[in-house]
C-alpha atoms as a PDB file:
ATOM      1  CA  GLY A   1     115.241 129.146  92.357  1.00  0.00           C
ATOM      2  CA  ILE A   2     113.934 127.014  95.648  1.00  0.00           C
ATOM      3  CA  ASN A   3     110.051 126.115  94.034  1.00  0.00           C
ATOM      4  CA  ALA A   4     111.703 124.677  90.716  1.00  0.00           C
ATOM      5  CA  GLU A   5     113.956 122.520  92.894  1.00  0.00           C
ATOM      6  CA  TYR A   6     110.756 121.619  95.050  1.00  0.00           C
ATOM      7  CA  GLY A   7     108.912 120.992  91.966  1.00  0.00           C
ATOM      8  CA  GLU A   8     111.730 118.630  90.245  1.00  0.00           C
ATOM      9  CA  ARG A   9     112.613 116.666  93.221  1.00  0.00           C
ATOM     10  CA  ASP A  10     108.695 115.866  93.610  1.00  0.00           C
ATOM     11  CA  LYS A  11     108.742 114.870  90.259  1.00  0.00           C
ATOM     12  CA  VAL A  12     111.469 112.207  91.350  1.00  0.00           C
ATOM     13  CA  TYR A  13     109.517 111.029  94.280  1.00  0.00           C
ATOM     14  CA  ASP A  14     106.631 110.350  91.868  1.00  0.00           C
ATOM     15  CA  GLU A  15     108.991 108.318  89.448  1.00  0.00           C
ATOM     16  CA  ILE A  16     110.160 106.563  92.674  1.00  0.00           C
ATOM     17  CA  SER A  17     106.703 105.505  93.464  1.00  0.00           C
ATOM     18  CA  GLU A  18     105.507 104.390  90.307  1.00  0.00           C
ATOM     19  CA  TYR A  19     108.775 102.119  90.113  1.00  0.00           C
ATOM     20  CA  SER A  20     108.333 101.189  93.336  1.00  0.00           C
ATOM     21  CA  LYS A  21     104.493 100.158  93.027  1.00  0.00           C
ATOM     22  CA  LEU A  22     105.858  98.143  89.528  1.00  0.00           C
ATOM     23  CA  GLN A  23     108.362  96.397  91.520  1.00  0.00           C
ATOM     24  CA  THR A  24     105.940  95.304  94.031  1.00  0.00           C
ATOM     25  CA  THR A  25     103.167  93.780  91.445  1.00  0.00           C
ATOM     26  CA  LEU A  26     106.245  91.923  89.631  1.00  0.00           C
ATOM     27  CA  GLU A  27     106.761  90.529  93.031  1.00  0.00           C
ATOM     28  CA  ARG A  28     103.319  90.034  93.583  1.00  0.00           C
ATOM     29  CA  LEU A  29     102.715  88.232  90.710  1.00  0.00           C
ATOM     30  CA  ALA A  30     105.476  85.614  91.136  1.00  0.00           C
ATOM     31  CA  THR A  31     103.369  84.533  94.204  1.00  0.00           C
ATOM     32  CA  ILE A  32     100.314  83.803  91.869  1.00  0.00           C
ATOM     33  CA  GLU A  33      99.790  80.536  90.427  1.00  0.00           C
ATOM     34  CA  LYS A  34      96.292  81.311  88.416  1.00  0.00           C
ATOM     35  CA  ARG A  35      96.667  81.849  85.365  1.00  0.00           C
ATOM     36  CA  PRO A  36      95.436  83.925  83.579  1.00  0.00           C
ATOM     37  CA  ILE A  37      95.311  87.249  85.664  1.00  0.00           C
ATOM     38  CA  ARG A  38      93.101  89.578  85.820  1.00  0.00           C
ATOM     39  CA  LYS A  39      93.890  92.851  86.930  1.00  0.00           C
ATOM     40  CA  MET A  40      92.302  96.795  86.649  1.00  0.00           C
ATOM     41  CA  ILE A  41      95.491  98.680  84.725  1.00  0.00           C
ATOM     42  CA  ASP A  42      95.487 102.063  85.009  1.00  0.00           C
ATOM     43  CA  VAL A  43      95.705 103.371  80.638  1.00  0.00           C
ATOM     44  CA  GLY A  44      96.505 106.745  82.004  1.00  0.00           C
ATOM     45  CA  CYS A  45      94.834 109.745  83.634  1.00  0.00           C
ATOM     46  CA  ASN A  46      93.731 107.651  86.423  1.00  0.00           C
ATOM     47  CA  PHE A  47      91.398 105.875  83.900  1.00  0.00           C
ATOM     48  CA  TYR A  48      91.316 102.330  84.710  1.00  0.00           C
ATOM     49  CA  MET A  49      90.552  98.953  82.425  1.00  0.00           C
ATOM     50  CA  GLN A  50      90.095  95.547  83.245  1.00  0.00           C
ATOM     51  CA  ALA A  51      93.256  93.405  81.261  1.00  0.00           C
ATOM     52  CA  GLU A  52      93.554  89.325  81.074  1.00  0.00           C
ATOM     53  CA  VAL A  53      97.450  88.420  81.783  1.00  0.00           C
ATOM     54  CA  LYS A  54      98.139  85.022  79.880  1.00  0.00           C
ATOM     55  CA  ASN A  55     101.713  84.765  79.450  1.00  0.00           C
ATOM     56  CA  MET A  56     103.849  86.403  82.326  1.00  0.00           C
ATOM     57  CA  ASP A  57     107.294  85.336  81.214  1.00  0.00           C
ATOM     58  CA  PHE A  58     107.821  88.647  79.704  1.00  0.00           C
ATOM     59  CA  PHE A  59     107.232  92.218  80.654  1.00  0.00           C
ATOM     60  CA  TYR A  60     107.753  95.607  78.890  1.00  0.00           C
ATOM     61  CA  VAL A  61     109.092  98.071  81.364  1.00  0.00           C
ATOM     62  CA  ASP A  62     110.178 101.850  80.508  1.00  0.00           C
ATOM     63  CA  VAL A  63     113.231 102.422  80.716  1.00  0.00           C
ATOM     64  CA  GLY A  64     113.017 106.231  80.026  1.00  0.00           C
ATOM     65  CA  MET A  65     113.225 108.646  77.086  1.00  0.00           C
ATOM     66  CA  GLY A  66     109.706 106.436  75.675  1.00  0.00           C
ATOM     67  CA  LEU A  67     112.149 103.537  75.607  1.00  0.00           C
ATOM     68  CA  HIS A  68     110.287 100.244  76.652  1.00  0.00           C
ATOM     69  CA  VAL A  69     111.762  96.846  76.664  1.00  0.00           C
ATOM     70  CA  GLN A  70     110.923  93.468  77.236  1.00  0.00           C
ATOM     71  CA  LEU A  71     112.518  92.074  80.363  1.00  0.00           C
ATOM     72  CA  THR A  72     112.118  89.008  82.025  1.00  0.00           C
ATOM     73  CA  ARG A  73     110.692  89.023  85.850  1.00  0.00           C
ATOM     74  CA  ASP A  74     114.199  88.962  87.391  1.00  0.00           C
ATOM     75  CA  GLU A  75     115.328  91.014  84.934  1.00  0.00           C
ATOM     76  CA  ALA A  76     113.037  93.966  85.582  1.00  0.00           C
ATOM     77  CA  LEU A  77     113.018  93.378  88.740  1.00  0.00           C
ATOM     78  CA  LYS A  78     116.594  94.022  88.488  1.00  0.00           C
ATOM     79  CA  PHE A  79     116.223  96.951  86.644  1.00  0.00           C
ATOM     80  CA  LEU A  80     113.714  98.847  88.828  1.00  0.00           C
ATOM     81  CA  SER A  81     116.155  97.935  92.189  1.00  0.00           C
ATOM     82  CA  ARG A  82     118.623 100.241  90.213  1.00  0.00           C
ATOM     83  CA  LYS A  83     116.432 102.710  88.997  1.00  0.00           C
ATOM     84  CA  ILE A  84     114.483 103.293  92.590  1.00  0.00           C
ATOM     85  CA  ASP A  85     118.329 103.663  93.688  1.00  0.00           C
ATOM     86  CA  GLN A  86     119.705 105.698  91.130  1.00  0.00           C
ATOM     87  CA  LEU A  87     116.081 107.976  91.458  1.00  0.00           C
ATOM     88  CA  THR A  88     117.185 108.185  95.254  1.00  0.00           C
ATOM     89  CA  VAL A  89     120.157 109.474  94.906  1.00  0.00           C
ATOM     90  CA  LYS A  90     119.117 112.167  92.778  1.00  0.00           C
ATOM     91  CA  SER A  91     116.308 113.157  95.198  1.00  0.00           C
ATOM     92  CA  GLU A  92     118.626 113.167  98.139  1.00  0.00           C
ATOM     93  CA  HIS A  93     121.243 115.616  95.455  1.00  0.00           C
ATOM     94  CA  LEU A  94     118.232 117.584  95.050  1.00  0.00           C
ATOM     95  CA  THR A  95     117.352 117.770  98.298  1.00  0.00           C
ATOM     96  CA  ASP A  96     120.635 119.030  99.428  1.00  0.00           C
ATOM     97  CA  LYS A  97     120.617 121.709  96.321  1.00  0.00           C
ATOM     98  CA  SER A  98     116.877 123.030  98.390  1.00  0.00           C
ATOM     99  CA  VAL A  99     118.944 123.752 101.408  1.00  0.00           C
ATOM    100  CA  ASP A 100     121.828 125.108 100.115  1.00  0.00           C
ATOM    101  CA  ILE A 101     119.284 127.899  98.682  1.00  0.00           C
ATOM    102  CA  LYS A 102     116.963 128.223 101.652  1.00  0.00           C
ATOM    103  CA  ALA A 103     120.420 128.588 103.851  1.00  0.00           C
ATOM    104  CA  ARG A 104     121.506 131.263 101.549  1.00  0.00           C
ATOM    105  CA  ILE A 105     118.236 132.739 101.465  1.00  0.00           C
ATOM    106  CA  LYS A 106     118.348 133.093 105.280  1.00  0.00           C
ATOM    107  CA  LEU A 107     121.556 134.039 104.849  1.00  0.00           C
ATOM    108  CA  ILE A 108     120.643 137.494 102.712  1.00  0.00           C
ATOM    109  CA  ILE A 109     117.845 138.220 104.819  1.00  0.00           C
ATOM    110  CA  GLY A 110     119.532 138.338 107.974  1.00  0.00           C
ATOM    111  CA  ALA A 111     122.015 140.536 106.020  1.00  0.00           C
ATOM    112  CA  LEU A 112     119.617 142.896 105.184  1.00  0.00           C
ATOM    113  CA  GLY A 113     117.817 142.799 108.517  1.00  0.00           C
ATOM    114  CA  GLU A 114     121.395 144.096 109.688  1.00  0.00           C
ATOM    115  CA  LEU A 115     122.184 146.343 107.170  1.00  0.00           C
ATOM    116  CA  GLN A 116     118.341 147.714 108.028  1.00  0.00           C
ATOM    117  CA  GLY A 117     119.344 148.407 112.193  1.00  0.00           C
ATOM    118  CA  VAL A 118     122.497 149.721 111.184  1.00  0.00           C
ATOM    119  CA  SER A 119     120.718 152.781 109.004  1.00  0.00           C
END
């Protein structure tokens, strides 16, 4: 139903948000010259710990289905850009489906209202 579509779309929005945060972080890291870098890292469930990054030649990126791939910064940024584009298209599709379902519901409610008025 429509709630399932909204729920799935919200999950896609969350993914877009996470990938966008990662993209922004990688872009900012390129401008930092001080090495090593100390950063607070979310280790899950909003628990953070301090991490020290000594080598920023490669990054491990979640490419889906639990797979993490070692990529250079440029490769990671290229992947993230494509992934965000892909997820944006998916979210637009889910929005269109939600709008279609909502329109059908309104049509059925209108038809039921007319039927009730006839009897």
